[in-house]
Amino acid sequence: MNLMVRSFAPSDELEDAINQINGLINNLDPFKVSLSNDARKKMRVVGSSRLGLVDIVSRLATQYDEKLAKNDNAKDLKERVAYLQVLRAYRIAAQKLCEALDDTDKALGKDIMGYVDKFGDSLQSARKYDGDLDEAIKELDDYNARFKKVMEEEDPELEAGEPGSELPQ
């Protein structure tokens, strides 16, 4: 079998990493803002196409602060832009971690399903010659009968008829 995941991170390192991540979450908790999905859709935000606009207005407002309305503060805009840059760097780092975890999760899932297919096929073949195994495999038969449609919808390889993707019978 061609396994994608060749080694596992030690459990103490994983536990330490989880604690560090939770610590970062807790550190930022007092400063977070939670938005509803509806609120997110209606906001005008700083996307990549607006970075130039933000930079120009921030620079000009700082340079010509006396031309702004009495209660306007160019320094506030400048601080928010700097804070946005720090948060975006934080987000990029978090996205890299999420992508690595997602890729590893998918690879590990592929390995696991390879084992499930191989072992399921072996058990199905062996059940013909072992009454106890035949009886025990009825649990697998029941599972397949109940969830076959759901698994077909979740597994595009199964629909495409890829080798090794059949459900154990």
N, C-alpha and C. Protein backbone atom coordinates (compact mmCIF):
# COMPACT_ATOMS: atom_id res chain seq x y z
N MET A 1 0.86 -1.17 0.00
CA MET A 1 0.00 0.00 0.00
C MET A 1 0.90 1.24 0.00
N ASN A 2 0.52 2.23 -0.77
CA ASN A 2 1.29 3.47 -0.88
C ASN A 2 0.78 4.48 0.15
N LEU A 3 1.43 4.51 1.31
CA LEU A 3 1.01 5.40 2.39
C LEU A 3 1.56 6.81 2.19
N MET A 4 0.76 7.80 2.45
CA MET A 4 1.18 9.19 2.32
C MET A 4 1.80 9.72 3.61
N VAL A 5 1.28 9.31 4.75
CA VAL A 5 1.79 9.78 6.04
C VAL A 5 2.79 8.75 6.53
N ARG A 6 4.05 9.16 6.58
CA ARG A 6 5.15 8.25 6.92
C ARG A 6 5.52 8.27 8.40
N SER A 7 5.20 9.36 9.08
CA SER A 7 5.53 9.45 10.51
C SER A 7 4.47 10.29 11.21
N PHE A 8 4.35 10.06 12.50
CA PHE A 8 3.39 10.79 13.32
C PHE A 8 4.14 11.72 14.27
N ALA A 9 3.60 12.90 14.47
CA ALA A 9 4.17 13.81 15.46
C ALA A 9 3.96 13.20 16.84
N PRO A 10 4.97 13.29 17.70
CA PRO A 10 4.80 12.75 19.06
C PRO A 10 3.65 13.44 19.78
N SER A 11 2.91 12.67 20.56
CA SER A 11 1.72 13.20 21.21
C SER A 11 2.04 14.36 22.15
N ASP A 12 3.21 14.34 22.80
CA ASP A 12 3.54 15.46 23.69
C ASP A 12 3.78 16.74 22.91
N GLU A 13 4.34 16.62 21.70
CA GLU A 13 4.53 17.81 20.86
C GLU A 13 3.19 18.34 20.35
N LEU A 14 2.29 17.43 20.00
CA LEU A 14 0.96 17.85 19.56
C LEU A 14 0.21 18.54 20.69
N GLU A 15 0.30 17.98 21.87
CA GLU A 15 -0.38 18.58 23.03
C GLU A 15 0.20 19.96 23.33
N ASP A 16 1.52 20.09 23.23
CA ASP A 16 2.17 21.38 23.45
C ASP A 16 1.71 22.40 22.40
N ALA A 17 1.63 21.96 21.14
CA ALA A 17 1.19 22.85 20.06
C ALA A 17 -0.25 23.31 20.28
N ILE A 18 -1.12 22.39 20.68
CA ILE A 18 -2.52 22.75 20.95
C ILE A 18 -2.59 23.76 22.08
N ASN A 19 -1.79 23.55 23.12
CA ASN A 19 -1.77 24.50 24.24
C ASN A 19 -1.28 25.87 23.79
N GLN A 20 -0.27 25.90 22.92
CA GLN A 20 0.23 27.18 22.41
C GLN A 20 -0.83 27.89 21.57
N ILE A 21 -1.50 27.14 20.72
CA ILE A 21 -2.56 27.73 19.88
C ILE A 21 -3.68 28.27 20.76
N ASN A 22 -4.10 27.49 21.73
CA ASN A 22 -5.15 27.96 22.65
C ASN A 22 -4.70 29.19 23.42
N GLY A 23 -3.42 29.24 23.77
CA GLY A 23 -2.88 30.43 24.43
C GLY A 23 -2.97 31.66 23.55
N LEU A 24 -2.64 31.49 22.27
CA LEU A 24 -2.74 32.61 21.32
C LEU A 24 -4.19 33.07 21.18
N ILE A 25 -5.10 32.11 21.11
CA ILE A 25 -6.53 32.45 21.01
C ILE A 25 -6.96 33.23 22.24
N ASN A 26 -6.56 32.75 23.41
CA ASN A 26 -6.93 33.45 24.65
C ASN A 26 -6.32 34.84 24.73
N ASN A 27 -5.08 34.99 24.24
CA ASN A 27 -4.44 36.31 24.25
C ASN A 27 -5.19 37.32 23.38
N LEU A 28 -5.73 36.85 22.27
CA LEU A 28 -6.43 37.76 21.36
C LEU A 28 -7.91 37.92 21.69
N ASP A 29 -8.43 37.06 22.54
CA ASP A 29 -9.85 37.07 22.85
C ASP A 29 -10.39 38.44 23.27
N PRO A 30 -9.70 39.19 24.13
CA PRO A 30 -10.25 40.49 24.53
C PRO A 30 -10.33 41.51 23.38
N PHE A 31 -9.64 41.23 22.29
CA PHE A 31 -9.56 42.20 21.20
C PHE A 31 -10.34 41.78 19.96
N LYS A 32 -10.97 40.61 20.03
CA LYS A 32 -11.67 40.12 18.84
C LYS A 32 -13.03 40.78 18.67
N VAL A 33 -13.49 40.77 17.44
CA VAL A 33 -14.83 41.25 17.10
C VAL A 33 -15.53 40.09 16.41
N SER A 34 -16.74 39.80 16.81
CA SER A 34 -17.52 38.74 16.18
C SER A 34 -18.62 39.37 15.33
N LEU A 35 -18.66 38.96 14.07
CA LEU A 35 -19.64 39.51 13.13
C LEU A 35 -20.63 38.42 12.71
N SER A 36 -21.86 38.82 12.50
CA SER A 36 -22.84 37.89 11.95
C SER A 36 -22.57 37.74 10.46
N ASN A 37 -23.07 36.67 9.87
CA ASN A 37 -22.91 36.47 8.44
C ASN A 37 -23.54 37.62 7.66
N ASP A 38 -24.69 38.10 8.14
CA ASP A 38 -25.37 39.20 7.49
C ASP A 38 -24.52 40.47 7.54
N ALA A 39 -23.94 40.75 8.69
CA ALA A 39 -23.09 41.94 8.83
C ALA A 39 -21.87 41.85 7.92
N ARG A 40 -21.30 40.68 7.78
CA ARG A 40 -20.13 40.49 6.92
C ARG A 40 -20.43 40.85 5.47
N LYS A 41 -21.63 40.48 5.02
CA LYS A 41 -21.99 40.70 3.62
C LYS A 41 -22.16 42.18 3.30
N LYS A 42 -22.54 42.98 4.28
CA LYS A 42 -22.89 44.37 4.03
C LYS A 42 -21.74 45.35 4.26
N MET A 43 -20.56 44.85 4.60
CA MET A 43 -19.46 45.73 4.95
C MET A 43 -18.58 46.07 3.75
N ARG A 44 -18.11 47.27 3.74
CA ARG A 44 -17.08 47.69 2.78
C ARG A 44 -15.76 47.57 3.53
N VAL A 45 -14.90 46.70 3.07
CA VAL A 45 -13.67 46.39 3.79
C VAL A 45 -12.44 46.62 2.92
N VAL A 46 -11.28 46.47 3.52
CA VAL A 46 -10.02 46.66 2.81
C VAL A 46 -9.64 45.35 2.14
N GLY A 47 -10.01 45.23 0.88
CA GLY A 47 -9.57 44.09 0.08
C GLY A 47 -8.29 44.45 -0.64
N SER A 48 -7.75 43.51 -1.37
CA SER A 48 -6.47 43.76 -2.05
C SER A 48 -6.58 44.90 -3.06
N SER A 49 -7.76 45.11 -3.64
CA SER A 49 -7.92 46.19 -4.62
C SER A 49 -7.99 47.56 -3.95
N ARG A 50 -8.19 47.59 -2.64
CA ARG A 50 -8.31 48.88 -1.95
C ARG A 50 -7.06 49.25 -1.15
N LEU A 51 -6.06 48.41 -1.14
CA LEU A 51 -4.86 48.70 -0.36
C LEU A 51 -4.18 49.99 -0.82
N GLY A 52 -4.13 50.20 -2.11
CA GLY A 52 -3.53 51.43 -2.65
C GLY A 52 -4.29 52.66 -2.20
N LEU A 53 -5.61 52.60 -2.26
CA LEU A 53 -6.46 53.70 -1.82
C LEU A 53 -6.21 54.00 -0.35
N VAL A 54 -6.18 52.96 0.46
CA VAL A 54 -5.96 53.13 1.90
C VAL A 54 -4.61 53.78 2.16
N ASP A 55 -3.59 53.33 1.46
CA ASP A 55 -2.24 53.87 1.65
C ASP A 55 -2.19 55.35 1.28
N ILE A 56 -2.77 55.70 0.14
CA ILE A 56 -2.73 57.09 -0.32
C ILE A 56 -3.49 58.00 0.64
N VAL A 57 -4.72 57.62 0.99
CA VAL A 57 -5.53 58.46 1.88
C VAL A 57 -4.87 58.58 3.25
N SER A 58 -4.33 57.49 3.76
CA SER A 58 -3.67 57.54 5.06
C SER A 58 -2.46 58.47 5.03
N ARG A 59 -1.66 58.36 3.99
CA ARG A 59 -0.48 59.21 3.86
C ARG A 59 -0.86 60.68 3.72
N LEU A 60 -1.84 60.96 2.85
CA LEU A 60 -2.26 62.36 2.63
C LEU A 60 -2.93 62.94 3.87
N ALA A 61 -3.76 62.14 4.54
CA ALA A 61 -4.43 62.63 5.75
C ALA A 61 -3.41 62.95 6.84
N THR A 62 -2.37 62.15 6.94
CA THR A 62 -1.32 62.42 7.93
C THR A 62 -0.55 63.68 7.55
N GLN A 63 -0.26 63.81 6.27
CA GLN A 63 0.52 64.97 5.80
C GLN A 63 -0.29 66.27 5.90
N TYR A 64 -1.58 66.20 5.64
CA TYR A 64 -2.43 67.40 5.64
C TYR A 64 -3.50 67.29 6.74
N ASP A 65 -3.10 66.90 7.91
CA ASP A 65 -4.00 66.69 9.04
C ASP A 65 -4.84 67.94 9.34
N GLU A 66 -4.25 69.10 9.15
CA GLU A 66 -4.97 70.35 9.46
C GLU A 66 -6.14 70.60 8.51
N LYS A 67 -6.18 69.92 7.39
CA LYS A 67 -7.28 70.08 6.42
C LYS A 67 -8.47 69.18 6.74
N LEU A 68 -8.30 68.26 7.66
CA LEU A 68 -9.40 67.36 8.04
C LEU A 68 -10.37 68.08 8.96
N ALA A 69 -11.56 67.51 9.11
CA ALA A 69 -12.54 68.08 10.03
C ALA A 69 -11.94 68.10 11.44
N LYS A 70 -12.46 68.99 12.26
CA LYS A 70 -11.92 69.23 13.60
C LYS A 70 -11.81 67.95 14.44
N ASN A 71 -12.82 67.09 14.37
CA ASN A 71 -12.83 65.87 15.19
C ASN A 71 -12.16 64.67 14.52
N ASP A 72 -11.70 64.83 13.28
CA ASP A 72 -11.03 63.73 12.58
C ASP A 72 -9.57 63.64 13.02
N ASN A 73 -9.07 62.40 13.05
CA ASN A 73 -7.72 62.17 13.53
C ASN A 73 -7.00 61.23 12.57
N ALA A 74 -6.08 61.75 11.79
CA ALA A 74 -5.33 60.93 10.83
C ALA A 74 -4.51 59.86 11.53
N LYS A 75 -4.07 60.15 12.75
CA LYS A 75 -3.28 59.18 13.51
C LYS A 75 -4.10 57.91 13.77
N ASP A 76 -5.39 58.05 14.03
CA ASP A 76 -6.25 56.89 14.27
C ASP A 76 -6.29 55.99 13.04
N LEU A 77 -6.44 56.58 11.86
CA LEU A 77 -6.43 55.79 10.62
C LEU A 77 -5.09 55.09 10.47
N LYS A 78 -4.01 55.81 10.68
CA LYS A 78 -2.67 55.23 10.52
C LYS A 78 -2.46 54.06 11.48
N GLU A 79 -2.91 54.19 12.73
CA GLU A 79 -2.79 53.10 13.71
C GLU A 79 -3.62 51.88 13.30
N ARG A 80 -4.80 52.13 12.76
CA ARG A 80 -5.66 51.02 12.34
C ARG A 80 -5.07 50.29 11.13
N VAL A 81 -4.46 51.04 10.23
CA VAL A 81 -3.82 50.42 9.07
C VAL A 81 -2.65 49.55 9.54
N ALA A 82 -1.85 50.05 10.46
CA ALA A 82 -0.73 49.27 10.99
C ALA A 82 -1.23 48.01 11.70
N TYR A 83 -2.29 48.16 12.48
CA TYR A 83 -2.88 47.01 13.20
C TYR A 83 -3.42 45.98 12.20
N LEU A 84 -4.06 46.45 11.13
CA LEU A 84 -4.57 45.56 10.09
C LEU A 84 -3.42 44.75 9.48
N GLN A 85 -2.29 45.40 9.24
CA GLN A 85 -1.15 44.69 8.66
C GLN A 85 -0.64 43.60 9.59
N VAL A 86 -0.60 43.89 10.89
CA VAL A 86 -0.16 42.88 11.86
C VAL A 86 -1.16 41.72 11.91
N LEU A 87 -2.46 42.04 11.94
CA LEU A 87 -3.48 40.98 11.98
C LEU A 87 -3.44 40.13 10.71
N ARG A 88 -3.19 40.76 9.59
CA ARG A 88 -3.12 39.98 8.34
C ARG A 88 -1.91 39.07 8.33
N ALA A 89 -0.80 39.51 8.87
CA ALA A 89 0.37 38.64 8.98
C ALA A 89 0.05 37.45 9.90
N TYR A 90 -0.64 37.72 10.98
CA TYR A 90 -1.08 36.68 11.91
C TYR A 90 -2.00 35.69 11.19
N ARG A 91 -2.92 36.24 10.40
CA ARG A 91 -3.88 35.40 9.67
C ARG A 91 -3.18 34.53 8.63
N ILE A 92 -2.19 35.08 7.94
CA ILE A 92 -1.44 34.31 6.95
C ILE A 92 -0.73 33.14 7.62
N ALA A 93 -0.11 33.40 8.77
CA ALA A 93 0.56 32.32 9.50
C ALA A 93 -0.45 31.26 9.92
N ALA A 94 -1.61 31.67 10.40
CA ALA A 94 -2.65 30.73 10.81
C ALA A 94 -3.17 29.94 9.60
N GLN A 95 -3.30 30.60 8.45
CA GLN A 95 -3.77 29.91 7.25
C GLN A 95 -2.76 28.86 6.80
N LYS A 96 -1.46 29.17 6.92
CA LYS A 96 -0.44 28.18 6.56
C LYS A 96 -0.57 26.95 7.45
N LEU A 97 -0.78 27.18 8.74
CA LEU A 97 -0.96 26.08 9.68
C LEU A 97 -2.21 25.27 9.31
N CYS A 98 -3.31 25.96 9.04
CA CYS A 98 -4.57 25.28 8.69
C CYS A 98 -4.40 24.46 7.41
N GLU A 99 -3.70 25.02 6.43
CA GLU A 99 -3.49 24.29 5.17
C GLU A 99 -2.65 23.04 5.41
N ALA A 100 -1.59 23.16 6.21
CA ALA A 100 -0.76 21.99 6.50
C ALA A 100 -1.57 20.93 7.25
N LEU A 101 -2.38 21.37 8.21
CA LEU A 101 -3.21 20.42 8.94
C LEU A 101 -4.25 19.77 8.03
N ASP A 102 -4.85 20.56 7.15
CA ASP A 102 -5.86 20.03 6.23
C ASP A 102 -5.25 19.01 5.28
N ASP A 103 -4.07 19.34 4.71
CA ASP A 103 -3.41 18.40 3.80
C ASP A 103 -3.05 17.10 4.52
N THR A 104 -2.51 17.23 5.73
CA THR A 104 -2.14 16.04 6.50
C THR A 104 -3.37 15.22 6.86
N ASP A 105 -4.46 15.90 7.23
CA ASP A 105 -5.72 15.24 7.55
C ASP A 105 -6.22 14.44 6.34
N LYS A 106 -6.20 15.06 5.17
CA LYS A 106 -6.67 14.38 3.96
C LYS A 106 -5.77 13.19 3.61
N ALA A 107 -4.45 13.38 3.72
CA ALA A 107 -3.52 12.29 3.42
C ALA A 107 -3.72 11.13 4.40
N LEU A 108 -3.88 11.45 5.67
CA LEU A 108 -4.10 10.42 6.67
C LEU A 108 -5.44 9.71 6.42
N GLY A 109 -6.45 10.47 6.03
CA GLY A 109 -7.74 9.89 5.68
C GLY A 109 -7.63 8.94 4.50
N LYS A 110 -6.81 9.31 3.50
CA LYS A 110 -6.59 8.44 2.35
C LYS A 110 -5.92 7.15 2.79
N ASP A 111 -4.90 7.27 3.64
CA ASP A 111 -4.22 6.08 4.16
C ASP A 111 -5.20 5.17 4.91
N ILE A 112 -6.00 5.77 5.76
CA ILE A 112 -6.96 5.01 6.56
C ILE A 112 -7.95 4.29 5.66
N MET A 113 -8.48 5.00 4.66
CA MET A 113 -9.46 4.36 3.77
C MET A 113 -8.80 3.27 2.94
N GLY A 114 -7.51 3.41 2.63
CA GLY A 114 -6.79 2.33 1.95
C GLY A 114 -6.78 1.06 2.81
N TYR A 115 -6.48 1.26 4.10
CA TYR A 115 -6.53 0.12 5.03
C TYR A 115 -7.94 -0.45 5.13
N VAL A 116 -8.93 0.42 5.26
CA VAL A 116 -10.32 -0.03 5.40
C VAL A 116 -10.72 -0.86 4.18
N ASP A 117 -10.39 -0.38 2.98
CA ASP A 117 -10.74 -1.12 1.77
C ASP A 117 -10.03 -2.47 1.72
N LYS A 118 -8.72 -2.46 1.99
CA LYS A 118 -7.93 -3.68 1.93
C LYS A 118 -8.39 -4.69 2.98
N PHE A 119 -8.53 -4.23 4.21
CA PHE A 119 -8.94 -5.13 5.29
C PHE A 119 -10.38 -5.59 5.10
N GLY A 120 -11.24 -4.69 4.64
CA GLY A 120 -12.63 -5.06 4.38
C GLY A 120 -12.73 -6.15 3.32
N ASP A 121 -11.94 -6.00 2.24
CA ASP A 121 -11.93 -7.02 1.19
C ASP A 121 -11.42 -8.36 1.72
N SER A 122 -10.36 -8.31 2.54
CA SER A 122 -9.81 -9.54 3.11
C SER A 122 -10.83 -10.23 4.01
N LEU A 123 -11.49 -9.45 4.84
CA LEU A 123 -12.49 -10.02 5.74
C LEU A 123 -13.68 -10.58 4.97
N GLN A 124 -14.09 -9.89 3.91
CA GLN A 124 -15.21 -10.39 3.10
C GLN A 124 -14.84 -11.72 2.45
N SER A 125 -13.60 -11.83 1.97
CA SER A 125 -13.17 -13.09 1.35
C SER A 125 -13.10 -14.21 2.37
N ALA A 126 -12.60 -13.90 3.56
CA ALA A 126 -12.41 -14.92 4.60
C ALA A 126 -13.73 -15.37 5.21
N ARG A 127 -14.76 -14.57 5.11
CA ARG A 127 -16.03 -14.93 5.76
C ARG A 127 -16.65 -16.18 5.16
N LYS A 128 -16.30 -16.48 3.91
CA LYS A 128 -16.86 -17.66 3.24
C LYS A 128 -16.44 -18.96 3.94
N TYR A 129 -15.31 -18.91 4.63
CA TYR A 129 -14.75 -20.11 5.23
C TYR A 129 -14.80 -20.10 6.76
N ASP A 130 -15.41 -19.06 7.34
CA ASP A 130 -15.42 -18.94 8.81
C ASP A 130 -16.80 -18.44 9.25
N GLY A 131 -17.55 -19.34 9.88
CA GLY A 131 -18.91 -19.00 10.31
C GLY A 131 -18.95 -17.88 11.34
N ASP A 132 -18.00 -17.88 12.28
CA ASP A 132 -17.97 -16.82 13.29
C ASP A 132 -17.71 -15.47 12.65
N LEU A 133 -16.76 -15.46 11.70
CA LEU A 133 -16.45 -14.21 11.00
C LEU A 133 -17.65 -13.76 10.17
N ASP A 134 -18.30 -14.72 9.51
CA ASP A 134 -19.48 -14.40 8.71
C ASP A 134 -20.54 -13.72 9.58
N GLU A 135 -20.73 -14.25 10.78
CA GLU A 135 -21.70 -13.66 11.71
C GLU A 135 -21.25 -12.27 12.16
N ALA A 136 -19.96 -12.13 12.46
CA ALA A 136 -19.43 -10.85 12.92
C ALA A 136 -19.51 -9.77 11.84
N ILE A 137 -19.36 -10.17 10.59
CA ILE A 137 -19.36 -9.20 9.49
C ILE A 137 -20.76 -8.69 9.17
N LYS A 138 -21.77 -9.30 9.74
CA LYS A 138 -23.13 -8.79 9.52
C LYS A 138 -23.25 -7.35 10.01
N GLU A 139 -22.47 -6.98 11.02
CA GLU A 139 -22.45 -5.58 11.48
C GLU A 139 -21.97 -4.67 10.34
N LEU A 140 -20.95 -5.11 9.61
CA LEU A 140 -20.45 -4.35 8.47
C LEU A 140 -21.49 -4.31 7.35
N ASP A 141 -22.16 -5.43 7.12
CA ASP A 141 -23.22 -5.47 6.11
C ASP A 141 -24.33 -4.48 6.44
N ASP A 142 -24.73 -4.45 7.71
CA ASP A 142 -25.78 -3.52 8.14
C ASP A 142 -25.32 -2.07 7.95
N TYR A 143 -24.08 -1.79 8.32
CA TYR A 143 -23.54 -0.44 8.16
C TYR A 143 -23.58 -0.03 6.69
N ASN A 144 -23.08 -0.92 5.83
CA ASN A 144 -23.06 -0.61 4.40
C ASN A 144 -24.46 -0.39 3.85
N ALA A 145 -25.41 -1.19 4.30
CA ALA A 145 -26.79 -1.05 3.82
C ALA A 145 -27.38 0.30 4.24
N ARG A 146 -27.09 0.73 5.46
CA ARG A 146 -27.65 1.99 5.96
C ARG A 146 -26.98 3.21 5.35
N PHE A 147 -25.67 3.14 5.14
CA PHE A 147 -24.94 4.35 4.79
C PHE A 147 -24.35 4.36 3.39
N LYS A 148 -24.66 3.39 2.56
CA LYS A 148 -24.07 3.32 1.23
C LYS A 148 -24.36 4.58 0.43
N LYS A 149 -25.60 5.04 0.41
CA LYS A 149 -25.95 6.23 -0.37
C LYS A 149 -25.21 7.46 0.14
N VAL A 150 -25.13 7.62 1.45
CA VAL A 150 -24.42 8.76 2.04
C VAL A 150 -22.95 8.71 1.66
N MET A 151 -22.34 7.53 1.76
CA MET A 151 -20.91 7.39 1.44
C MET A 151 -20.66 7.65 -0.04
N GLU A 152 -21.56 7.23 -0.92
CA GLU A 152 -21.40 7.50 -2.34
C GLU A 152 -21.42 9.00 -2.62
N GLU A 153 -22.30 9.72 -1.93
CA GLU A 153 -22.38 11.16 -2.11
C GLU A 153 -21.15 11.87 -1.58
N GLU A 154 -20.55 11.35 -0.51
CA GLU A 154 -19.37 11.97 0.09
C GLU A 154 -18.09 11.63 -0.65
N ASP A 155 -18.05 10.52 -1.36
CA ASP A 155 -16.82 10.00 -1.95
C ASP A 155 -16.89 10.05 -3.47
N PRO A 156 -16.33 11.10 -4.10
CA PRO A 156 -16.38 11.21 -5.55
C PRO A 156 -15.65 10.06 -6.25
N GLU A 157 -14.61 9.49 -5.62
CA GLU A 157 -13.91 8.36 -6.22
C GLU A 157 -14.83 7.17 -6.35
N LEU A 158 -15.70 6.99 -5.37
CA LEU A 158 -16.62 5.87 -5.39
C LEU A 158 -17.55 5.99 -6.60
N GLU A 159 -18.03 7.21 -6.85
CA GLU A 159 -18.92 7.43 -7.99
C GLU A 159 -18.19 7.23 -9.30
N ALA A 160 -16.88 7.58 -9.33
CA ALA A 160 -16.11 7.46 -10.56
C ALA A 160 -15.67 6.02 -10.80
N GLY A 161 -15.90 5.16 -9.83
CA GLY A 161 -15.54 3.76 -10.01
C GLY A 161 -14.05 3.51 -9.93
N GLU A 162 -13.34 4.30 -9.14
CA GLU A 162 -11.90 4.13 -8.99
C GLU A 162 -11.61 2.78 -8.33
N PRO A 163 -10.50 2.14 -8.72
CA PRO A 163 -10.15 0.88 -8.08
C PRO A 163 -9.94 1.06 -6.58
N GLY A 164 -10.35 0.07 -5.81
CA GLY A 164 -10.15 0.12 -4.37
C GLY A 164 -11.14 1.00 -3.66
N SER A 165 -12.12 1.52 -4.40
CA SER A 165 -13.06 2.43 -3.76
C SER A 165 -14.41 1.77 -3.49
N GLU A 166 -14.52 0.49 -3.82
CA GLU A 166 -15.80 -0.17 -3.57
C GLU A 166 -15.99 -0.38 -2.08
N LEU A 167 -17.22 -0.35 -1.69
CA LEU A 167 -17.54 -0.63 -0.30
C LEU A 167 -17.41 -2.12 -0.05
N PRO A 168 -16.90 -2.50 1.10
CA PRO A 168 -16.89 -3.92 1.43
C PRO A 168 -18.32 -4.45 1.46
N GLN A 169 -18.52 -5.61 0.92
CA GLN A 169 -19.86 -6.21 0.87
C GLN A 169 -20.08 -7.16 2.00
